[in-house]
Amino acid sequence: MADIKTSANPLFLREDELRRGIELLFYAYRDFTAEPDAMLANHGFGRAHHRAIYFVGRNPGMTVSALLGILRITKQSLNRVLGQLVREGFVERHAGVDDRRQRLLRLTATGVDLERRLSENQRARLARAYREAGADAVAGYQRVLLGIINEGDREKLANG
């Protein structure tokens, strides 16, 4: 396993430091998703299901189109994921009030419960890391993540 240093190298744009950042992201993502992945597997779901559940839970009444824009997966993939989530009672689809062609998404009570359980460990991990790092480090971390995100989405998320 990589040696974890506690202070940033002042030469942070060098190849070794950039590779270290990539490696830390890989390890963090692996550990951040491990417990939810195991829970999802019990339902026959994958990470696309997790992301759909998460974003529908955060944005009740969002359109299928908006979810497609966030997830950036094909319509076919999203239809497969949403179809399974709807059939198994985790997500509801309703026609839009102003435009009946729109499909608005909302988690069912079962979906809300699953989202809570999936996010519980992730929230705890972030809370622990934030406490250990402190407010300045959290602000810096969030700036770094925003810097990694594509510009169009960065603008939407910067004030969130």
Protein backbone atom coordinates (compact mmCIF):
# COMPACT_ATOMS: atom_id res chain seq x y z
CA MET A 1 0.00 0.00 0.00
CA ALA A 2 1.11 3.55 -0.64
CA ASP A 3 2.84 5.51 2.09
CA ILE A 4 0.38 8.16 3.30
CA LYS A 5 2.11 11.50 3.85
CA THR A 6 0.41 14.11 6.02
CA SER A 7 1.64 17.29 4.36
CA ALA A 8 1.39 18.35 0.76
CA ASN A 9 4.54 18.55 -1.26
CA PRO A 10 5.13 22.19 -2.30
CA LEU A 11 5.92 20.79 -5.75
CA PHE A 12 2.37 19.40 -6.06
CA LEU A 13 2.21 19.66 -9.86
CA ARG A 14 5.07 17.22 -10.39
CA GLU A 15 4.33 13.83 -11.94
CA ASP A 16 4.81 11.90 -8.66
CA GLU A 17 2.40 14.15 -6.76
CA LEU A 18 -0.22 13.99 -9.52
CA ARG A 19 0.06 10.20 -9.61
CA ARG A 20 -0.26 10.14 -5.81
CA GLY A 21 -3.51 12.11 -6.12
CA ILE A 22 -4.83 9.65 -8.70
CA GLU A 23 -3.88 6.72 -6.49
CA LEU A 24 -5.55 8.25 -3.44
CA LEU A 25 -8.72 8.85 -5.45
CA PHE A 26 -8.75 5.19 -6.53
CA TYR A 27 -8.30 3.91 -2.97
CA ALA A 28 -10.84 6.37 -1.56
CA TYR A 29 -13.44 5.44 -4.19
CA ARG A 30 -12.87 1.73 -3.61
CA ASP A 31 -13.45 2.08 0.12
CA PHE A 32 -16.23 4.66 -0.24
CA THR A 33 -18.26 2.30 -2.46
CA ALA A 34 -17.44 -1.09 -0.87
CA GLU A 35 -20.28 -1.29 1.67
CA PRO A 36 -22.97 0.16 -0.63
CA ASP A 37 -21.82 -2.20 -3.41
CA ALA A 38 -22.39 -5.18 -1.11
CA MET A 39 -25.89 -3.93 -0.19
CA LEU A 40 -26.73 -3.28 -3.84
CA ALA A 41 -25.59 -6.79 -4.81
CA ASN A 42 -28.19 -8.22 -2.41
CA HIS A 43 -30.85 -6.61 -4.61
CA GLY A 44 -29.16 -7.45 -7.91
CA PHE A 45 -28.29 -3.76 -8.38
CA GLY A 46 -25.08 -2.03 -9.41
CA ARG A 47 -23.54 1.41 -9.09
CA ALA A 48 -25.82 2.92 -11.75
CA HIS A 49 -28.78 1.94 -9.54
CA HIS A 50 -27.05 3.55 -6.56
CA ARG A 51 -26.47 6.81 -8.41
CA ALA A 52 -30.06 6.87 -9.68
CA ILE A 53 -31.43 6.22 -6.19
CA TYR A 54 -29.15 8.86 -4.69
CA PHE A 55 -29.98 11.64 -7.15
CA VAL A 56 -33.71 10.91 -7.27
CA GLY A 57 -33.68 10.97 -3.47
CA ARG A 58 -31.87 14.32 -3.44
CA ASN A 59 -34.17 15.77 -6.11
CA PRO A 60 -37.71 14.39 -5.67
CA GLY A 61 -39.81 15.11 -8.75
CA MET A 62 -36.83 15.37 -11.08
CA THR A 63 -37.35 14.49 -14.71
CA VAL A 64 -35.85 11.47 -16.43
CA SER A 65 -34.10 13.97 -18.69
CA ALA A 66 -32.45 15.73 -15.72
CA LEU A 67 -31.29 12.38 -14.34
CA LEU A 68 -29.83 11.50 -17.73
CA GLY A 69 -27.93 14.78 -17.67
CA ILE A 70 -26.42 14.01 -14.27
CA LEU A 71 -25.57 10.35 -14.83
CA ARG A 72 -24.44 10.74 -18.44
CA ILE A 73 -25.40 7.22 -19.38
CA THR A 74 -27.38 6.13 -22.42
CA LYS A 75 -31.18 6.31 -22.41
CA GLN A 76 -31.19 2.55 -22.86
CA SER A 77 -29.04 2.02 -19.75
CA LEU A 78 -31.12 4.43 -17.69
CA ASN A 79 -34.37 2.80 -18.86
CA ARG A 80 -33.02 -0.59 -17.77
CA VAL A 81 -31.97 0.77 -14.35
CA LEU A 82 -35.17 2.77 -13.77
CA GLY A 83 -37.35 -0.05 -15.04
CA GLN A 84 -35.86 -2.40 -12.48
CA LEU A 85 -36.12 0.18 -9.68
CA VAL A 86 -39.77 0.86 -10.56
CA ARG A 87 -40.71 -2.84 -10.88
CA GLU A 88 -39.11 -3.62 -7.52
CA GLY A 89 -40.84 -0.71 -5.76
CA PHE A 90 -37.93 1.68 -5.09
CA VAL A 91 -38.85 4.47 -7.53
CA GLU A 92 -42.15 5.86 -8.80
CA ARG A 93 -42.65 7.55 -12.19
CA HIS A 94 -45.43 10.08 -12.66
CA ALA A 95 -46.50 12.20 -15.60
CA GLY A 96 -45.63 15.89 -15.32
CA VAL A 97 -48.35 18.32 -14.30
CA ASP A 98 -47.62 20.94 -16.99
CA ASP A 99 -46.28 18.52 -19.59
CA ARG A 100 -47.82 15.04 -19.45
CA ARG A 101 -44.94 13.71 -21.60
CA GLN A 102 -42.47 14.39 -18.81
CA ARG A 103 -41.72 11.55 -16.42
CA LEU A 104 -41.13 12.77 -12.88
CA LEU A 105 -39.23 10.51 -10.51
CA ARG A 106 -39.61 10.03 -6.78
CA LEU A 107 -38.37 7.44 -4.32
CA THR A 108 -40.98 5.27 -2.63
CA ALA A 109 -40.75 4.73 1.14
CA THR A 110 -38.74 1.57 0.36
CA GLY A 111 -36.45 3.60 -1.90
CA VAL A 112 -35.96 6.26 0.79
CA ASP A 113 -34.98 3.54 3.26
CA LEU A 114 -32.53 1.95 0.83
CA GLU A 115 -30.97 5.32 -0.01
CA ARG A 116 -30.53 6.07 3.69
CA ARG A 117 -28.84 2.71 4.30
CA LEU A 118 -26.60 3.07 1.23
CA SER A 119 -25.48 6.56 2.25
CA GLU A 120 -25.12 5.92 5.99
CA ASN A 121 -21.59 4.52 5.82
CA GLN A 122 -20.55 7.10 3.24
CA ARG A 123 -21.78 9.99 5.39
CA ALA A 124 -19.95 8.51 8.40
CA ARG A 125 -16.71 8.18 6.39
CA LEU A 126 -16.94 11.78 5.20
CA ALA A 127 -17.83 13.08 8.67
CA ARG A 128 -14.83 11.29 10.19
CA ALA A 129 -12.48 12.52 7.47
CA TYR A 130 -13.83 16.07 7.72
CA ARG A 131 -13.43 16.09 11.52
CA GLU A 132 -9.86 14.81 11.27
CA ALA A 133 -8.89 17.23 8.49
CA GLY A 134 -10.55 20.40 9.76
CA ALA A 135 -12.58 23.14 8.09
CA ASP A 136 -9.78 24.60 5.96
CA ALA A 137 -8.86 21.19 4.56
CA VAL A 138 -12.53 20.42 3.81
CA ALA A 139 -12.87 23.69 1.90
CA GLY A 140 -9.68 22.88 -0.02
CA TYR A 141 -10.86 19.33 -0.74
CA GLN A 142 -14.14 20.63 -2.10
CA ARG A 143 -12.30 23.15 -4.30
CA VAL A 144 -10.10 20.34 -5.65
CA LEU A 145 -13.13 18.14 -6.42
CA LEU A 146 -14.91 21.03 -8.12
CA GLY A 147 -11.76 21.58 -10.16
CA ILE A 148 -11.86 17.96 -11.38
CA ILE A 149 -15.53 18.19 -12.44
CA ASN A 150 -16.32 19.34 -16.01
CA GLU A 151 -16.90 23.07 -16.24
CA GLY A 152 -20.67 22.97 -16.97
CA ASP A 153 -21.41 20.86 -13.92
CA ARG A 154 -18.86 22.75 -11.81
CA GLU A 155 -20.89 25.93 -12.18
CA LYS A 156 -24.08 24.15 -11.06
CA LEU A 157 -22.36 22.59 -8.02
CA ALA A 158 -20.13 25.47 -6.90
CA ASN A 159 -22.77 27.10 -4.72
CA GLY A 160 -24.39 23.89 -3.48
